[in-house]
C-alpha atoms as a PDB file:
ATOM      1  CA  MET A   1      63.118 102.627  19.564  1.00  0.00           C
ATOM      2  CA  ALA A   2      65.250 105.069  21.498  1.00  0.00           C
ATOM      3  CA  ASP A   3      64.504 108.177  23.503  1.00  0.00           C
ATOM      4  CA  THR A   4      66.600 111.323  23.207  1.00  0.00           C
ATOM      5  CA  GLY A   5      66.999 111.388  26.976  1.00  0.00           C
ATOM      6  CA  GLY A   6      66.137 115.055  27.224  1.00  0.00           C
ATOM      7  CA  PRO A   7      63.047 117.079  27.993  1.00  0.00           C
ATOM      8  CA  HIS A   8      61.974 116.949  24.356  1.00  0.00           C
ATOM      9  CA  HIS A   9      59.994 113.720  24.661  1.00  0.00           C
ATOM     10  CA  VAL A  10      60.723 112.606  21.115  1.00  0.00           C
ATOM     11  CA  VAL A  11      61.257 109.034  20.023  1.00  0.00           C
ATOM     12  CA  TRP A  12      63.117 107.674  17.008  1.00  0.00           C
ATOM     13  CA  GLN A  13      63.723 104.296  15.397  1.00  0.00           C
ATOM     14  CA  GLU A  14      67.195 102.775  15.172  1.00  0.00           C
ATOM     15  CA  ASP A  15      68.907 102.869  11.766  1.00  0.00           C
ATOM     16  CA  SER A  16      71.975 101.053  10.447  1.00  0.00           C
ATOM     17  CA  LYS A  17      73.635 103.791   8.322  1.00  0.00           C
ATOM     18  CA  PRO A  18      76.987 104.824   9.821  1.00  0.00           C
ATOM     19  CA  GLU A  19      76.285 108.531   9.251  1.00  0.00           C
ATOM     20  CA  VAL A  20      72.931 108.258  10.978  1.00  0.00           C
ATOM     21  CA  ASP A  21      74.487 106.362  13.864  1.00  0.00           C
ATOM     22  CA  GLU A  22      77.105 109.112  14.143  1.00  0.00           C
ATOM     23  CA  ALA A  23      74.396 111.813  14.166  1.00  0.00           C
ATOM     24  CA  ARG A  24      72.485 109.897  16.821  1.00  0.00           C
ATOM     25  CA  GLN A  25      75.639 109.599  18.936  1.00  0.00           C
ATOM     26  CA  LEU A  26      76.285 113.322  18.603  1.00  0.00           C
ATOM     27  CA  LEU A  27      72.746 114.002  19.826  1.00  0.00           C
ATOM     28  CA  ARG A  28      73.293 111.763  22.831  1.00  0.00           C
ATOM     29  CA  GLN A  29      76.420 113.805  23.580  1.00  0.00           C
ATOM     30  CA  GLY A  30      74.417 117.024  23.350  1.00  0.00           C
ATOM     31  CA  ASN A  31      75.918 118.088  20.022  1.00  0.00           C
ATOM     32  CA  ALA A  32      72.782 118.927  18.027  1.00  0.00           C
ATOM     33  CA  ASP A  33      74.751 121.202  15.680  1.00  0.00           C
ATOM     34  CA  GLY A  34      77.012 118.314  14.693  1.00  0.00           C
ATOM     35  CA  ALA A  35      74.015 116.050  14.124  1.00  0.00           C
ATOM     36  CA  ILE A  36      72.291 118.691  11.988  1.00  0.00           C
ATOM     37  CA  ALA A  37      75.461 119.145   9.917  1.00  0.00           C
ATOM     38  CA  ILE A  38      75.368 115.429   9.082  1.00  0.00           C
ATOM     39  CA  LEU A  39      71.611 115.068   8.634  1.00  0.00           C
ATOM     40  CA  GLU A  40      70.728 118.097   6.500  1.00  0.00           C
ATOM     41  CA  PRO A  41      72.859 116.968   3.515  1.00  0.00           C
ATOM     42  CA  LEU A  42      71.579 113.401   3.904  1.00  0.00           C
ATOM     43  CA  THR A  43      67.956 114.570   3.675  1.00  0.00           C
ATOM     44  CA  MET A  44      68.807 116.220   0.348  1.00  0.00           C
ATOM     45  CA  GLU A  45      70.449 113.039  -0.969  1.00  0.00           C
ATOM     46  CA  GLU A  46      67.773 110.681   0.357  1.00  0.00           C
ATOM     47  CA  SER A  47      64.659 112.824   0.399  1.00  0.00           C
ATOM     48  CA  ASP A  48      62.374 109.803   0.710  1.00  0.00           C
ATOM     49  CA  ASP A  49      63.885 108.407   3.941  1.00  0.00           C
ATOM     50  CA  TYR A  50      61.452 109.381   6.684  1.00  0.00           C
ATOM     51  CA  MET A  51      63.906 108.334   9.400  1.00  0.00           C
ATOM     52  CA  LEU A  52      66.410 110.997   8.376  1.00  0.00           C
ATOM     53  CA  PHE A  53      63.735 113.668   8.683  1.00  0.00           C
ATOM     54  CA  GLU A  54      62.601 112.264  12.005  1.00  0.00           C
ATOM     55  CA  LEU A  55      66.095 112.366  13.442  1.00  0.00           C
ATOM     56  CA  LEU A  56      66.606 115.845  11.995  1.00  0.00           C
ATOM     57  CA  GLY A  57      63.414 116.902  13.807  1.00  0.00           C
ATOM     58  CA  VAL A  58      64.901 115.567  17.032  1.00  0.00           C
ATOM     59  CA  ALA A  59      68.121 117.519  16.442  1.00  0.00           C
ATOM     60  CA  TYR A  60      66.211 120.733  15.763  1.00  0.00           C
ATOM     61  CA  ALA A  61      64.142 120.145  18.918  1.00  0.00           C
ATOM     62  CA  HIS A  62      67.377 119.910  20.918  1.00  0.00           C
ATOM     63  CA  LYS A  63      68.329 123.330  19.520  1.00  0.00           C
ATOM     64  CA  ASN A  64      64.850 124.636  20.375  1.00  0.00           C
ATOM     65  CA  ASN A  65      64.386 125.453  16.674  1.00  0.00           C
ATOM     66  CA  LEU A  66      60.752 124.437  16.857  1.00  0.00           C
ATOM     67  CA  ASP A  67      59.623 125.599  13.415  1.00  0.00           C
ATOM     68  CA  ALA A  68      62.342 123.534  11.755  1.00  0.00           C
ATOM     69  CA  SER A  69      61.591 120.619  14.087  1.00  0.00           C
ATOM     70  CA  VAL A  70      57.892 120.672  13.198  1.00  0.00           C
ATOM     71  CA  GLY A  71      58.744 120.927   9.498  1.00  0.00           C
ATOM     72  CA  ALA A  72      61.081 117.935   9.645  1.00  0.00           C
ATOM     73  CA  PHE A  73      58.525 115.851  11.545  1.00  0.00           C
ATOM     74  CA  GLN A  74      55.777 116.869   9.081  1.00  0.00           C
ATOM     75  CA  THR A  75      57.949 115.602   6.240  1.00  0.00           C
ATOM     76  CA  ALA A  76      58.588 112.363   8.127  1.00  0.00           C
ATOM     77  CA  VAL A  77      54.835 111.886   8.686  1.00  0.00           C
ATOM     78  CA  HIS A  78      54.156 112.575   5.004  1.00  0.00           C
ATOM     79  CA  LEU A  79      56.772 109.999   3.970  1.00  0.00           C
ATOM     80  CA  ASN A  80      55.602 107.338   6.432  1.00  0.00           C
ATOM     81  CA  PRO A  81      52.167 107.984   7.942  1.00  0.00           C
ATOM     82  CA  ALA A  82      51.955 104.441   9.361  1.00  0.00           C
ATOM     83  CA  LYS A  83      54.396 105.090  12.241  1.00  0.00           C
ATOM     84  CA  PRO A  84      52.660 106.239  15.429  1.00  0.00           C
ATOM     85  CA  GLN A  85      55.992 107.418  16.889  1.00  0.00           C
ATOM     86  CA  THR A  86      56.367 109.916  14.049  1.00  0.00           C
ATOM     87  CA  HIS A  87      52.932 111.401  14.727  1.00  0.00           C
ATOM     88  CA  TYR A  88      53.791 111.509  18.432  1.00  0.00           C
ATOM     89  CA  ASN A  89      57.055 113.355  17.762  1.00  0.00           C
ATOM     90  CA  LEU A  90      55.240 115.822  15.511  1.00  0.00           C
ATOM     91  CA  GLY A  91      52.605 116.379  18.183  1.00  0.00           C
ATOM     92  CA  MET A  92      55.134 117.002  20.917  1.00  0.00           C
ATOM     93  CA  ALA A  93      57.087 119.454  18.729  1.00  0.00           C
ATOM     94  CA  MET A  94      53.869 121.291  17.849  1.00  0.00           C
ATOM     95  CA  LEU A  95      52.912 121.541  21.521  1.00  0.00           C
ATOM     96  CA  ARG A  96      56.338 122.957  22.390  1.00  0.00           C
ATOM     97  CA  ALA A  97      55.896 125.455  19.551  1.00  0.00           C
ATOM     98  CA  GLY A  98      52.579 126.569  21.048  1.00  0.00           C
ATOM     99  CA  ASP A  99      50.299 124.877  18.493  1.00  0.00           C
ATOM    100  CA  THR A 100      47.886 123.146  20.849  1.00  0.00           C
ATOM    101  CA  VAL A 101      45.357 122.270  18.151  1.00  0.00           C
ATOM    102  CA  GLY A 102      47.969 120.810  15.806  1.00  0.00           C
ATOM    103  CA  GLY A 103      49.660 118.970  18.667  1.00  0.00           C
ATOM    104  CA  HIS A 104      46.351 117.495  19.780  1.00  0.00           C
ATOM    105  CA  GLU A 105      45.577 116.330  16.243  1.00  0.00           C
ATOM    106  CA  ALA A 106      49.009 114.734  15.755  1.00  0.00           C
ATOM    107  CA  LEU A 107      48.762 112.889  19.085  1.00  0.00           C
ATOM    108  CA  ALA A 108      45.235 111.739  18.234  1.00  0.00           C
ATOM    109  CA  GLN A 109      46.511 110.512  14.857  1.00  0.00           C
ATOM    110  CA  ALA A 110      49.235 108.515  16.611  1.00  0.00           C
ATOM    111  CA  LEU A 111      46.459 106.750  18.520  1.00  0.00           C
ATOM    112  CA  ARG A 112      44.420 106.184  15.363  1.00  0.00           C
ATOM    113  CA  VAL A 113      47.479 104.495  13.845  1.00  0.00           C
ATOM    114  CA  ASP A 114      48.129 102.461  17.016  1.00  0.00           C
ATOM    115  CA  PRO A 115      45.433 102.615  19.699  1.00  0.00           C
ATOM    116  CA  THR A 116      47.821 100.956  22.173  1.00  0.00           C
ATOM    117  CA  TYR A 117      50.591 103.568  21.854  1.00  0.00           C
ATOM    118  CA  GLY A 118      50.974 104.532  25.509  1.00  0.00           C
ATOM    119  CA  LYS A 119      53.164 107.642  25.160  1.00  0.00           C
ATOM    120  CA  ALA A 120      50.631 109.266  22.821  1.00  0.00           C
ATOM    121  CA  ARG A 121      47.718 108.297  25.070  1.00  0.00           C
ATOM    122  CA  GLU A 122      49.507 109.725  28.117  1.00  0.00           C
ATOM    123  CA  ALA A 123      50.473 112.975  26.351  1.00  0.00           C
ATOM    124  CA  LEU A 124      46.973 113.418  24.928  1.00  0.00           C
ATOM    125  CA  GLY A 125      45.377 112.808  28.336  1.00  0.00           C
ATOM    126  CA  SER A 126      47.707 115.324  29.965  1.00  0.00           C
ATOM    127  CA  LEU A 127      46.979 117.885  27.242  1.00  0.00           C
ATOM    128  CA  GLU A 128      43.230 117.423  27.617  1.00  0.00           C
ATOM    129  CA  LYS A 129      43.460 117.865  31.396  1.00  0.00           C
ATOM    130  CA  ARG A 130      45.500 121.075  30.995  1.00  0.00           C
ATOM    131  CA  THR A 131      43.063 122.372  28.388  1.00  0.00           C
ATOM    132  CA  ALA A 132      40.074 121.663  30.637  1.00  0.00           C
ATOM    133  CA  ALA A 133      41.785 123.303  33.629  1.00  0.00           C
ATOM    134  CA  ALA A 134      42.626 126.383  31.554  1.00  0.00           C
ATOM    135  CA  ALA A 135      39.016 126.625  30.366  1.00  0.00           C
ATOM    136  CA  GLN A 136      37.755 126.411  33.960  1.00  0.00           C
ATOM    137  CA  ALA A 137      40.221 129.067  35.087  1.00  0.00           C
ATOM    138  CA  SER A 138      39.143 131.307  32.225  1.00  0.00           C
ATOM    139  CA  GLU A 139      35.478 130.914  33.161  1.00  0.00           C
ATOM    140  CA  ALA A 140      36.220 131.623  36.822  1.00  0.00           C
ATOM    141  CA  SER A 141      38.160 134.797  36.016  1.00  0.00           C
ATOM    142  CA  ALA A 142      35.325 135.975  33.766  1.00  0.00           C
ATOM    143  CA  GLY A 143      32.769 135.548  36.520  1.00  0.00           C
ATOM    144  CA  GLY A 144      31.528 132.110  35.595  1.00  0.00           C
ATOM    145  CA  PRO A 145      30.157 130.586  32.441  1.00  0.00           C
ATOM    146  CA  PRO A 146      28.462 132.844  29.920  1.00  0.00           C
ATOM    147  CA  PRO A 147      24.721 133.294  30.449  1.00  0.00           C
ATOM    148  CA  ALA A 148      22.450 130.879  28.653  1.00  0.00           C
ATOM    149  CA  PRO A 149      20.797 132.359  25.598  1.00  0.00           C
ATOM    150  CA  SER A 150      17.163 133.307  26.061  1.00  0.00           C
ATOM    151  CA  PHE A 151      14.663 132.337  23.446  1.00  0.00           C
ATOM    152  CA  GLY A 152      11.149 133.611  22.783  1.00  0.00           C
ATOM    153  CA  HIS A 153      11.409 137.027  24.469  1.00  0.00           C
END
């Protein structure tokens, strides 16, 4: 497993195809466009290889093309739902795209697949803390929690 090394927090598995290795190297050099140019045609030729879609999701994330990144990771999850890293990558892309609910679900699914997957547990815990803090701030700015309903009046 390798990390992209950037702020995107995505993880991918190593592959032995020369083209995939070249795309991975281009990503490490910061050339997401070059990686995408290699990976997009490969995903059309080998549409059942989840790893190609996962790496394509990473490349799109580097370009901040979050819709395409989420789409590529969703395809990877569909092709291989047993990989917790793929669910994690999908969750992180969804969070970056502003889909908190979808991101939460994908991270939770990563933990259902592998309850010991630390990156997913850490990201989910951080998300839950931020969500709780935002809810508290919202209540405070609205003058406190809503009044309790009254019954029998």
